[in-house]
Amino acid sequence: MSLLVFIIVFVIVAIACAVQSAVGFGANLVAMPLVVQIEPDLVPGAILFAGLFMNVLILRRDRQDIDIGSVRSALYGRVLGTAIGVGVLSVLSADALQLVVALGVLLMVAIAGWAGAPKRSMATMLTAGTVSGFTASTAGIGGPPVALLFQDAKGSEVRASMSAFFIVGTLITLIGLALGGRFGATEFGYGAALIPAAVTGFLLSGPLLPIVDRGFTRPAILLLSTAAAIVLLVRVAVG
């Protein structure tokens, strides 16, 4: 990888991590589609590894507002949904699954935007986590199903809870990638080199926090979730 390419990727990852550090999710949505066009070897392992450190920093900053019960229930569902997704992958094509996921996310956004977020309970978070595991394993987008249930929470609660959810989820994914031969020494090295970009993005989010927390958490979640679905639709159309 040339120095110029690394600088471009560094800037992309920093901007992506600034978005997630301010809103609570969205880094992969911003970074993955761009980085894969520039340096495919960095996706997904290296980007996920660098983002892991950003999530640790977010959790440390906003840890006092974490909803531990909701995160725990969502993680149980994440495991179940991942297993279901892996099974479905062996039956349906990737494009068909991405189309289903994209339309499903748009439907969830429409319902959440119209009726508001369902009350967070063990049942709803377990369901959201299951959907997240399914969408993450089949289409690479796992944030929206869980984030939509936090749309009426204050910004720090969204960020702390989602970062905890992503830390465990990312570790599970990286282990799976390693076992599958897609996260080795090379990907680890690139990911380690991009940790400063993730940290930079986290630091850049500071001035954004008062803006997001001034009533823009819900619009940001709805907007990023919609964007995630659109990215999938474009991917299917182009691919």
Protein backbone atom coordinates (compact mmCIF):
# COMPACT_ATOMS: atom_id res chain seq x y z
CA MET A 1 0.00 0.00 0.00
CA SER A 2 1.45 3.35 -1.06
CA LEU A 3 1.77 6.30 1.30
CA LEU A 4 -0.87 8.25 -0.64
CA VAL A 5 -3.38 5.42 -0.39
CA PHE A 6 -2.69 5.07 3.33
CA ILE A 7 -3.25 8.81 3.87
CA ILE A 8 -6.56 8.67 1.99
CA VAL A 9 -7.71 5.64 4.00
CA PHE A 10 -6.53 7.33 7.21
CA VAL A 11 -8.70 10.37 6.51
CA ILE A 12 -11.73 8.21 5.63
CA VAL A 13 -11.41 6.15 8.82
CA ALA A 14 -10.95 9.30 10.93
CA ILE A 15 -14.11 10.88 9.51
CA ALA A 16 -16.05 7.62 9.89
CA CYS A 17 -14.97 7.27 13.52
CA ALA A 18 -15.87 10.90 14.22
CA VAL A 19 -19.42 10.13 13.03
CA GLN A 20 -19.74 7.05 15.24
CA SER A 21 -18.11 8.73 18.24
CA ALA A 22 -20.73 11.47 18.05
CA VAL A 23 -23.84 9.45 17.17
CA GLY A 24 -23.14 5.94 18.44
CA PHE A 25 -22.84 4.03 15.18
CA GLY A 26 -22.11 4.58 11.49
CA ALA A 27 -18.33 4.13 11.17
CA ASN A 28 -18.55 1.00 9.03
CA LEU A 29 -21.32 2.54 6.96
CA VAL A 30 -19.07 5.48 6.07
CA ALA A 31 -15.72 3.69 5.81
CA MET A 32 -16.37 0.24 4.33
CA PRO A 33 -17.91 1.21 0.95
CA LEU A 34 -15.15 3.76 0.31
CA VAL A 35 -12.15 1.80 1.57
CA VAL A 36 -13.12 -1.36 -0.31
CA GLN A 37 -12.83 0.61 -3.57
CA ILE A 38 -9.35 1.86 -2.65
CA GLU A 39 -7.71 -1.01 -0.78
CA PRO A 40 -9.95 -4.14 -0.61
CA ASP A 41 -7.49 -6.00 1.66
CA LEU A 42 -8.40 -3.64 4.52
CA VAL A 43 -12.06 -4.72 4.49
CA PRO A 44 -13.42 -5.90 6.78
CA GLY A 45 -10.76 -7.10 9.22
CA ALA A 46 -8.36 -4.15 9.42
CA ILE A 47 -11.15 -1.56 9.59
CA LEU A 48 -13.00 -3.53 12.28
CA PHE A 49 -9.82 -3.93 14.33
CA ALA A 50 -9.05 -0.20 14.24
CA GLY A 51 -12.67 0.64 15.09
CA LEU A 52 -12.50 -1.61 18.12
CA PHE A 53 -10.27 0.92 19.87
CA MET A 54 -12.64 3.77 19.02
CA ASN A 55 -15.49 1.87 20.67
CA VAL A 56 -13.39 1.30 23.78
CA LEU A 57 -12.74 5.06 24.00
CA ILE A 58 -16.45 5.85 23.52
CA LEU A 59 -17.43 3.40 26.24
CA ARG A 60 -14.84 4.84 28.61
CA ARG A 61 -16.12 8.39 27.99
CA ASP A 62 -19.85 7.67 28.28
CA ARG A 63 -19.79 4.57 30.50
CA GLN A 64 -21.93 6.15 33.23
CA ASP A 65 -24.99 6.05 30.94
CA ILE A 66 -24.72 2.50 29.58
CA ASP A 67 -27.91 0.42 29.59
CA ILE A 68 -26.32 -2.88 30.59
CA GLY A 69 -29.55 -4.89 30.57
CA SER A 70 -30.42 -3.86 27.02
CA VAL A 71 -26.89 -4.55 25.78
CA ARG A 72 -26.87 -8.00 27.37
CA SER A 73 -30.18 -8.98 25.78
CA ALA A 74 -29.07 -7.64 22.38
CA LEU A 75 -25.84 -9.64 22.54
CA TYR A 76 -27.74 -12.86 23.24
CA GLY A 77 -29.76 -12.13 20.14
CA ARG A 78 -26.62 -11.25 18.16
CA VAL A 79 -25.27 -14.76 18.63
CA LEU A 80 -28.57 -16.34 17.58
CA GLY A 81 -28.98 -14.01 14.60
CA THR A 82 -25.44 -14.67 13.41
CA ALA A 83 -26.07 -18.42 13.43
CA ILE A 84 -29.29 -17.93 11.46
CA GLY A 85 -27.57 -15.64 8.98
CA VAL A 86 -24.73 -18.07 8.35
CA GLY A 87 -27.28 -20.79 7.71
CA VAL A 88 -29.29 -18.66 5.31
CA LEU A 89 -26.14 -17.68 3.41
CA SER A 90 -25.81 -21.28 2.28
CA VAL A 91 -29.27 -21.17 0.71
CA LEU A 92 -29.77 -17.68 -0.75
CA SER A 93 -27.48 -15.53 -2.87
CA ALA A 94 -25.65 -12.58 -1.30
CA ASP A 95 -27.46 -10.08 -3.56
CA ALA A 96 -30.86 -11.46 -2.60
CA LEU A 97 -30.01 -11.25 1.09
CA GLN A 98 -28.68 -7.70 0.80
CA LEU A 99 -31.87 -6.66 -0.98
CA VAL A 100 -34.00 -8.22 1.76
CA VAL A 101 -31.91 -6.58 4.48
CA ALA A 102 -32.03 -3.17 2.78
CA LEU A 103 -35.80 -3.27 2.39
CA GLY A 104 -36.15 -4.55 5.95
CA VAL A 105 -34.08 -1.69 7.36
CA LEU A 106 -36.09 0.86 5.37
CA LEU A 107 -39.28 -0.67 6.76
CA MET A 108 -37.91 -0.46 10.31
CA VAL A 109 -36.92 3.17 9.78
CA ALA A 110 -40.38 4.00 8.41
CA ILE A 111 -42.14 2.36 11.35
CA ALA A 112 -39.77 3.89 13.91
CA GLY A 113 -40.04 7.31 12.29
CA TRP A 114 -43.83 7.17 12.29
CA ALA A 115 -44.62 5.42 15.56
CA GLY A 116 -41.46 6.07 17.57
CA ALA A 117 -39.14 3.57 19.19
CA PRO A 118 -40.64 0.50 20.86
CA LYS A 119 -40.04 0.31 24.59
CA ARG A 120 -36.73 -1.34 25.34
CA SER A 121 -37.30 -4.62 27.12
CA MET A 122 -35.62 -8.01 27.21
CA ALA A 123 -37.91 -9.19 24.41
CA THR A 124 -37.46 -6.19 22.11
CA MET A 125 -33.69 -6.02 22.61
CA LEU A 126 -33.34 -9.76 22.10
CA THR A 127 -35.28 -9.39 18.86
CA ALA A 128 -33.24 -6.38 17.74
CA GLY A 129 -30.00 -8.20 18.55
CA THR A 130 -31.14 -11.24 16.57
CA VAL A 131 -32.00 -9.07 13.56
CA SER A 132 -28.65 -7.30 13.98
CA GLY A 133 -26.76 -10.59 13.96
CA PHE A 134 -28.61 -11.67 10.84
CA THR A 135 -28.05 -8.40 8.96
CA ALA A 136 -24.41 -8.19 10.05
CA SER A 137 -23.57 -11.72 8.92
CA THR A 138 -25.47 -11.49 5.63
CA ALA A 139 -24.99 -7.87 4.58
CA GLY A 140 -22.31 -6.40 6.84
CA ILE A 141 -24.64 -3.92 8.55
CA GLY A 142 -25.57 -4.68 12.15
CA GLY A 143 -26.02 -1.27 13.77
CA PRO A 144 -29.46 -0.01 12.67
CA PRO A 145 -31.72 -2.72 14.21
CA VAL A 146 -30.33 -2.05 17.70
CA ALA A 147 -29.75 1.69 17.30
CA LEU A 148 -33.37 2.27 16.28
CA LEU A 149 -34.51 1.08 19.72
CA PHE A 150 -32.29 3.76 21.29
CA GLN A 151 -33.56 6.62 19.12
CA ASP A 152 -35.41 8.26 22.01
CA ALA A 153 -32.52 7.84 24.48
CA LYS A 154 -30.09 10.63 25.29
CA GLY A 155 -26.93 10.75 23.21
CA SER A 156 -24.51 9.47 25.84
CA GLU A 157 -26.74 6.45 26.55
CA VAL A 158 -26.85 5.59 22.84
CA ARG A 159 -23.09 5.92 22.47
CA ALA A 160 -22.19 3.95 25.60
CA SER A 161 -24.67 1.13 24.96
CA MET A 162 -23.91 0.80 21.25
CA SER A 163 -20.15 0.86 21.83
CA ALA A 164 -20.41 -1.97 24.38
CA PHE A 165 -22.55 -3.91 21.91
CA PHE A 166 -20.04 -3.28 19.10
CA ILE A 167 -16.99 -4.21 21.20
CA VAL A 168 -18.27 -7.71 21.89
CA GLY A 169 -19.76 -8.06 18.41
CA THR A 170 -16.51 -6.99 16.74
CA LEU A 171 -14.45 -9.43 18.80
CA ILE A 172 -16.79 -12.25 17.76
CA THR A 173 -16.51 -11.20 14.12
CA LEU A 174 -12.70 -10.92 14.22
CA ILE A 175 -12.40 -14.37 15.77
CA GLY A 176 -14.63 -15.72 13.02
CA LEU A 177 -12.56 -13.98 10.34
CA ALA A 178 -9.35 -15.34 11.86
CA LEU A 179 -10.73 -18.88 11.90
CA GLY A 180 -11.78 -18.41 8.30
CA GLY A 181 -8.33 -17.21 7.27
CA ARG A 182 -9.43 -13.62 6.57
CA PHE A 183 -7.75 -11.92 9.53
CA GLY A 184 -4.07 -12.70 9.89
CA ALA A 185 -0.80 -10.91 10.45
CA THR A 186 -1.21 -8.64 7.41
CA GLU A 187 -4.72 -7.47 8.35
CA PHE A 188 -3.62 -7.07 11.97
CA GLY A 189 -0.72 -4.88 10.88
CA TYR A 190 -2.89 -2.65 8.71
CA GLY A 191 -5.48 -2.42 11.46
CA ALA A 192 -2.86 -1.45 14.03
CA ALA A 193 -1.55 1.24 11.67
CA LEU A 194 -5.06 2.70 11.44
CA ILE A 195 -5.63 2.88 15.19
CA PRO A 196 -4.35 6.50 15.24
CA ALA A 197 -7.02 7.33 12.63
CA ALA A 198 -9.71 5.86 14.87
CA VAL A 199 -8.37 7.81 17.85
CA THR A 200 -8.24 10.98 15.75
CA GLY A 201 -11.88 10.50 14.77
CA PHE A 202 -12.82 10.04 18.41
CA LEU A 203 -11.06 13.28 19.34
CA LEU A 204 -12.70 15.13 16.45
CA SER A 205 -16.13 14.13 17.74
CA GLY A 206 -15.76 16.38 20.80
CA PRO A 207 -17.16 19.54 19.17
CA LEU A 208 -19.98 17.50 17.60
CA LEU A 209 -21.33 16.12 20.89
CA PRO A 210 -23.17 19.28 22.04
CA ILE A 211 -24.82 19.52 18.62
CA VAL A 212 -25.94 15.88 18.49
CA ASP A 213 -27.09 15.93 22.12
CA ARG A 214 -29.19 19.03 21.51
CA GLY A 215 -32.06 16.97 20.15
CA PHE A 216 -30.41 15.56 17.03
CA THR A 217 -29.77 12.01 18.26
CA ARG A 218 -33.03 10.63 16.86
CA PRO A 219 -32.71 12.30 13.41
CA ALA A 220 -29.09 11.14 13.18
CA ILE A 221 -30.04 7.53 13.94
CA LEU A 222 -32.88 7.56 11.42
CA LEU A 223 -30.68 9.23 8.79
CA LEU A 224 -27.76 6.84 9.23
CA SER A 225 -30.06 3.81 9.22
CA THR A 226 -31.66 4.99 5.99
CA ALA A 227 -28.23 5.62 4.49
CA ALA A 228 -27.18 2.08 5.42
CA ALA A 229 -30.13 0.66 3.50
CA ILE A 230 -29.42 2.88 0.49
CA VAL A 231 -25.78 1.77 0.46
CA LEU A 232 -26.94 -1.86 0.29
CA LEU A 233 -29.40 -1.10 -2.52
CA VAL A 234 -26.68 0.63 -4.52
CA ARG A 235 -24.33 -2.27 -3.87
CA VAL A 236 -26.90 -4.73 -5.23
CA ALA A 237 -27.67 -2.55 -8.25
CA VAL A 238 -24.01 -2.03 -9.15
CA GLY A 239 -22.82 -5.51 -8.29
